[in-house]
């Protein structure tokens, strides 16, 4: 597996509950992802996949990522003068390289 170093400019700090986490902003990802480990650490509950939801995603390096569920996560992103609160459905994935990935679905959400 080839790992490319990602610079800090590709990350944004998000707050979930009382924890601040660096989230990878990934315009090449169609889906937003949270790691199963982080979901457990945050003591949040996920939901089972619905029959019409995909159980597999593929990484940029074409590795298969198994989706084990979804989780509706409320997070905040703070700027210099404002704070944005967002609720978004994330795919829950095991063995992912970053704890949170904000994909294009996050930025297209209405």
Protein backbone atom coordinates (compact mmCIF):
# COMPACT_ATOMS: atom_id res chain seq x y z
CA UNK A 1 0.00 0.00 0.00
CA UNK A 2 1.35 3.41 -0.95
CA UNK A 3 0.83 6.19 1.58
CA UNK A 4 1.10 9.79 0.49
CA UNK A 5 1.73 12.37 3.17
CA UNK A 6 -1.21 14.71 3.51
CA UNK A 7 -0.50 18.27 4.58
CA UNK A 8 -2.44 20.01 7.35
CA UNK A 9 -4.30 22.17 4.83
CA UNK A 10 -6.39 19.13 3.91
CA UNK A 11 -7.78 18.90 7.45
CA UNK A 12 -10.37 20.83 9.38
CA UNK A 13 -10.98 20.60 13.11
CA UNK A 14 -14.47 19.43 13.98
CA UNK A 15 -16.02 19.09 17.39
CA UNK A 16 -18.18 16.12 18.32
CA UNK A 17 -19.50 16.40 21.85
CA UNK A 18 -16.57 17.63 23.94
CA UNK A 19 -13.89 16.18 21.65
CA UNK A 20 -11.99 18.01 18.89
CA UNK A 21 -10.93 15.82 15.97
CA UNK A 22 -9.00 16.54 12.77
CA UNK A 23 -11.19 15.55 9.82
CA UNK A 24 -9.74 14.95 6.37
CA UNK A 25 -11.45 17.00 3.67
CA UNK A 26 -11.46 14.67 0.67
CA UNK A 27 -13.02 15.96 -2.54
CA UNK A 28 -12.23 12.59 -4.15
CA UNK A 29 -14.43 10.70 -1.71
CA UNK A 30 -18.09 10.36 -2.63
CA UNK A 31 -19.03 9.43 0.95
CA UNK A 32 -18.26 10.78 4.41
CA UNK A 33 -16.74 8.19 6.71
CA UNK A 34 -16.22 7.71 10.44
CA UNK A 35 -14.06 4.90 11.77
CA UNK A 36 -15.77 2.24 13.85
CA UNK A 37 -13.10 2.76 16.52
CA UNK A 38 -13.82 6.49 16.84
CA UNK A 39 -17.57 5.88 16.94
CA UNK A 40 -16.99 3.49 19.85
CA UNK A 41 -14.64 5.94 21.64
CA UNK A 42 -17.26 8.67 21.33
CA UNK A 43 -19.85 6.24 22.74
CA UNK A 44 -22.17 6.93 19.82
CA UNK A 45 -24.53 4.44 18.26
CA UNK A 46 -24.61 3.47 14.62
CA UNK A 47 -27.44 1.98 12.62
CA UNK A 48 -27.47 -1.14 10.49
CA UNK A 49 -27.31 -0.68 6.75
CA UNK A 50 -30.59 -0.71 4.86
CA UNK A 51 -30.97 -3.33 2.15
CA UNK A 52 -30.45 -0.72 -0.60
CA UNK A 53 -27.21 0.69 0.89
CA UNK A 54 -23.81 -0.40 -0.38
CA UNK A 55 -21.65 -2.50 1.95
CA UNK A 56 -18.39 -1.66 0.16
CA UNK A 57 -16.45 1.49 -0.68
CA UNK A 58 -13.12 1.74 -2.49
CA UNK A 59 -10.24 3.94 -1.39
CA UNK A 60 -8.15 6.09 -3.74
CA UNK A 61 -5.61 3.26 -3.81
CA UNK A 62 -8.42 0.86 -4.80
CA UNK A 63 -8.50 -0.92 -1.43
CA UNK A 64 -11.89 -2.28 -0.48
CA UNK A 65 -13.42 -0.73 2.65
CA UNK A 66 -16.22 -2.66 4.34
CA UNK A 67 -19.12 -0.46 5.44
CA UNK A 68 -20.63 -1.88 8.63
CA UNK A 69 -23.33 0.71 9.22
CA UNK A 70 -24.24 4.37 9.29
CA UNK A 71 -24.26 6.99 12.03
CA UNK A 72 -26.00 10.34 12.22
CA UNK A 73 -23.36 12.61 13.77
CA UNK A 74 -23.84 16.16 15.04
CA UNK A 75 -20.62 18.13 14.70
CA UNK A 76 -19.50 21.71 14.78
CA UNK A 77 -16.90 23.58 12.77
CA UNK A 78 -15.63 26.84 14.23
CA UNK A 79 -14.28 29.75 12.26
CA UNK A 80 -12.85 33.02 13.48
CA UNK A 81 -16.24 34.65 13.98
CA UNK A 82 -18.89 31.93 13.59
CA UNK A 83 -19.59 28.34 14.56
CA UNK A 84 -21.48 26.02 12.21
CA UNK A 85 -23.47 23.09 13.64
CA UNK A 86 -24.19 20.25 11.22
CA UNK A 87 -25.91 16.89 11.48
CA UNK A 88 -24.77 14.45 8.80
CA UNK A 89 -25.00 10.73 8.09
CA UNK A 90 -21.59 9.06 7.98
CA UNK A 91 -20.72 5.59 6.75
CA UNK A 92 -19.10 3.53 9.52
CA UNK A 93 -15.98 1.72 8.30
CA UNK A 94 -13.41 -0.49 10.01
CA UNK A 95 -9.68 -0.16 9.32
CA UNK A 96 -9.79 3.22 7.64
CA UNK A 97 -6.73 5.49 7.44
CA UNK A 98 -8.40 8.58 9.00
CA UNK A 99 -10.92 8.73 11.83
CA UNK A 100 -13.21 11.12 9.94
CA UNK A 101 -13.31 11.82 6.22
CA UNK A 102 -15.57 14.57 4.94
CA UNK A 103 -16.54 13.50 1.43
CA UNK A 104 -18.45 15.26 -1.31
CA UNK A 105 -21.81 14.20 0.17
CA UNK A 106 -20.97 16.35 3.20
CA UNK A 107 -20.43 19.44 1.06
CA UNK A 108 -23.44 18.77 -1.16
CA UNK A 109 -25.81 18.18 1.78
CA UNK A 110 -28.82 20.44 1.97
